[in-house]
């Protein structure tokens, strides 16, 4: 029986998929549009037909990443309605479950901010807005959990999650996931107690 082939993605989607893989592995500055086109099995001309510039492509990639993170919070709200502590811990699990990717290159948002400098101002604006929304969602969940100092706890959780990704990358100590998860759980219980 002949093997059925997988349908090929449209050029725009292939280019985005290739860009995501390359940006995540090598960063946004080192990766050229030629490399993206080649990985996508496309041409530079096709890339520029879909994305006016490299910045537009980077911006689209970051937009998709931020949408993925928002979708995680939305899914946790569906899974754990009226259980803000479970939603927070679900987000912690999402971050810890993806630490293997962090070991290679670190947080894609933080790396992109560091690399972008003044080169991609719109991308910088998107990432800063994403990080602020993430903090605000944690803050709202802490408030819903009845935590008096909700903003402070949301800041602590944010620092712990961001720091955990850095330590995962630099190998500062072992038992990182267990330690961080336990610490956040303790802080939640103590603040809600």
Protein backbone atom coordinates (compact mmCIF):
# COMPACT_ATOMS: atom_id res chain seq x y z
CA UNK A 1 0.00 0.00 0.00
CA UNK A 2 1.48 3.41 -0.90
CA UNK A 3 2.41 5.65 1.98
CA UNK A 4 0.33 8.80 2.28
CA UNK A 5 2.44 11.91 2.44
CA UNK A 6 1.86 14.63 4.97
CA UNK A 7 0.31 17.76 3.49
CA UNK A 8 2.92 20.46 3.13
CA UNK A 9 2.39 23.65 5.10
CA UNK A 10 1.78 26.87 3.16
CA UNK A 11 4.95 28.94 2.56
CA UNK A 12 4.17 31.54 5.26
CA UNK A 13 3.68 28.84 7.90
CA UNK A 14 6.83 26.99 6.82
CA UNK A 15 8.82 30.23 7.05
CA UNK A 16 7.46 30.97 10.53
CA UNK A 17 8.18 27.42 11.67
CA UNK A 18 11.73 27.60 10.32
CA UNK A 19 12.27 31.04 11.88
CA UNK A 20 11.01 29.81 15.25
CA UNK A 21 13.41 26.86 15.26
CA UNK A 22 16.38 28.97 14.19
CA UNK A 23 15.61 31.95 16.44
CA UNK A 24 15.20 29.65 19.41
CA UNK A 25 18.43 27.74 18.69
CA UNK A 26 20.68 30.56 17.53
CA UNK A 27 19.01 33.86 18.43
CA UNK A 28 17.52 36.55 16.25
CA UNK A 29 20.69 38.43 15.32
CA UNK A 30 22.79 35.50 14.05
CA UNK A 31 20.05 33.99 11.92
CA UNK A 32 19.88 35.35 8.39
CA UNK A 33 16.85 35.50 6.13
CA UNK A 34 18.77 33.20 3.77
CA UNK A 35 19.05 30.57 6.51
CA UNK A 36 15.34 30.84 7.30
CA UNK A 37 14.36 30.51 3.63
CA UNK A 38 16.66 27.51 3.20
CA UNK A 39 15.35 25.73 6.31
CA UNK A 40 11.78 26.36 5.14
CA UNK A 41 12.55 24.95 1.69
CA UNK A 42 11.70 28.33 0.24
CA UNK A 43 13.39 31.38 -1.22
CA UNK A 44 14.38 34.77 0.13
CA UNK A 45 11.98 36.37 -2.33
CA UNK A 46 9.09 34.31 -0.94
CA UNK A 47 10.10 35.28 2.60
CA UNK A 48 10.00 38.97 1.72
CA UNK A 49 6.66 38.50 -0.01
CA UNK A 50 5.18 37.35 3.31
CA UNK A 51 7.29 39.44 5.69
CA UNK A 52 8.43 42.92 4.65
CA UNK A 53 11.57 42.71 6.80
CA UNK A 54 13.37 40.53 9.31
CA UNK A 55 11.90 42.68 12.09
CA UNK A 56 8.38 41.91 10.84
CA UNK A 57 9.23 38.19 10.93
CA UNK A 58 10.70 38.44 14.46
CA UNK A 59 7.64 40.43 15.56
CA UNK A 60 5.30 37.78 14.15
CA UNK A 61 7.24 35.02 15.95
CA UNK A 62 7.12 36.90 19.27
CA UNK A 63 3.41 37.60 18.77
CA UNK A 64 2.75 33.87 18.33
CA UNK A 65 4.81 33.07 21.44
CA UNK A 66 2.91 35.60 23.55
CA UNK A 67 -0.38 34.15 22.28
CA UNK A 68 0.80 30.67 23.33
CA UNK A 69 1.51 31.93 26.85
CA UNK A 70 -1.87 33.65 27.07
CA UNK A 71 -3.54 30.46 25.89
CA UNK A 72 -1.86 28.56 28.75
CA UNK A 73 -3.42 30.92 31.29
CA UNK A 74 -6.80 30.62 29.53
CA UNK A 75 -6.60 26.83 29.51
CA UNK A 76 -5.67 26.77 33.21
CA UNK A 77 -8.69 28.97 33.98
CA UNK A 78 -10.89 26.43 32.15
CA UNK A 79 -9.26 23.46 33.90
CA UNK A 80 -9.34 25.01 37.38
CA UNK A 81 -12.27 27.43 37.53
CA UNK A 82 -12.41 29.40 40.79
CA UNK A 83 -9.13 27.76 41.89
CA UNK A 84 -6.54 30.53 41.49
CA UNK A 85 -3.82 28.68 43.42
CA UNK A 86 -4.19 25.69 41.09
CA UNK A 87 -3.95 28.02 38.10
CA UNK A 88 -0.75 29.57 39.45
CA UNK A 89 0.78 26.17 40.11
CA UNK A 90 -0.34 25.03 36.65
CA UNK A 91 1.58 27.94 35.14
CA UNK A 92 4.60 27.02 37.28
CA UNK A 93 4.35 23.46 35.90
CA UNK A 94 4.16 24.82 32.35
CA UNK A 95 7.42 26.72 32.88
CA UNK A 96 9.15 23.79 34.61
CA UNK A 97 7.96 21.32 31.96
CA UNK A 98 9.66 23.47 29.33
CA UNK A 99 13.00 23.85 31.10
CA UNK A 100 14.68 21.41 28.71
CA UNK A 101 14.30 24.06 26.01
CA UNK A 102 15.68 26.65 28.43
CA UNK A 103 18.80 24.54 28.97
CA UNK A 104 19.73 25.09 25.34
CA UNK A 105 19.21 28.83 24.96
CA UNK A 106 17.23 30.24 27.87
CA UNK A 107 13.96 32.15 27.82
CA UNK A 108 13.21 33.22 24.22
CA UNK A 109 11.72 36.51 25.42
CA UNK A 110 14.70 37.43 27.60
CA UNK A 111 17.19 36.37 24.93
CA UNK A 112 15.39 38.35 22.26
CA UNK A 113 15.31 41.43 24.50
CA UNK A 114 19.02 41.10 25.12
CA UNK A 115 19.82 40.63 21.44
CA UNK A 116 17.39 43.18 20.03
CA UNK A 117 18.88 46.20 21.76
CA UNK A 118 17.69 49.21 19.77
CA UNK A 119 17.60 47.18 16.57
CA UNK A 120 13.97 45.96 16.85
CA UNK A 121 12.02 48.53 18.93
CA UNK A 122 8.57 47.08 18.11
CA UNK A 123 9.70 43.62 19.20
CA UNK A 124 11.04 45.06 22.46
CA UNK A 125 7.67 46.76 23.08
CA UNK A 126 5.82 43.47 22.46
CA UNK A 127 8.01 41.53 24.89
CA UNK A 128 7.80 44.14 27.65
CA UNK A 129 3.99 44.22 27.26
CA UNK A 130 3.88 40.40 27.39
CA UNK A 131 5.96 40.23 30.58
CA UNK A 132 3.77 42.92 32.18
CA UNK A 133 0.58 41.01 31.23
CA UNK A 134 2.05 37.81 32.66
CA UNK A 135 2.82 39.57 35.94
CA UNK A 136 -0.68 41.13 35.98
CA UNK A 137 -2.31 37.73 35.45
CA UNK A 138 -0.31 36.32 38.37
CA UNK A 139 -1.25 39.36 40.45
CA UNK A 140 -4.96 38.90 39.64
CA UNK A 141 -4.77 35.21 40.53
CA UNK A 142 -3.11 36.06 43.85
CA UNK A 143 -5.89 38.59 44.55
CA UNK A 144 -8.53 35.98 43.66
CA UNK A 145 -6.84 33.59 46.10
CA UNK A 146 -7.48 36.15 48.85
CA UNK A 147 -3.84 37.03 49.33
CA UNK A 148 -3.49 40.40 51.04
CA UNK A 149 -0.12 41.30 49.56
CA UNK A 150 -1.04 39.95 46.11
CA UNK A 151 1.28 42.27 44.18
CA UNK A 152 4.28 41.33 46.31
CA UNK A 153 3.62 37.61 45.93
CA UNK A 154 3.14 37.98 42.17
CA UNK A 155 6.49 39.78 42.03
CA UNK A 156 8.16 36.99 44.04
CA UNK A 157 6.68 34.29 41.80
CA UNK A 158 7.78 36.21 38.70
CA UNK A 159 11.32 36.55 40.05
CA UNK A 160 11.45 32.87 40.99
CA UNK A 161 10.24 31.71 37.56
CA UNK A 162 12.55 34.05 35.65
CA UNK A 163 15.47 33.14 37.92
CA UNK A 164 14.75 29.45 37.57
CA UNK A 165 15.14 29.72 33.80
CA UNK A 166 18.51 31.43 34.19
CA UNK A 167 19.75 28.86 36.71
CA UNK A 168 18.53 26.04 34.44
CA UNK A 169 20.65 27.49 31.66
CA UNK A 170 23.79 28.04 33.71
CA UNK A 171 23.53 24.87 35.84
CA UNK A 172 23.91 26.76 39.14
CA UNK A 173 22.48 23.93 41.25
CA UNK A 174 20.54 20.68 41.00
CA UNK A 175 16.95 19.96 42.10
CA UNK A 176 15.97 23.28 40.58
CA UNK A 177 12.42 22.28 39.62
CA UNK A 178 11.62 20.63 42.94
CA UNK A 179 13.13 23.49 44.91
CA UNK A 180 11.37 26.27 42.98
CA UNK A 181 8.00 24.50 42.80
CA UNK A 182 8.09 23.73 46.53
CA UNK A 183 9.10 27.30 47.38
CA UNK A 184 6.26 28.82 45.32
CA UNK A 185 3.77 26.36 46.82
CA UNK A 186 4.95 27.28 50.34
CA UNK A 187 4.67 30.98 49.60
CA UNK A 188 1.14 30.55 48.24
CA UNK A 189 0.00 28.52 51.23
CA UNK A 190 1.58 30.90 53.75
CA UNK A 191 0.10 33.99 52.05
CA UNK A 192 -3.36 32.45 51.76
CA UNK A 193 -3.19 30.93 55.25
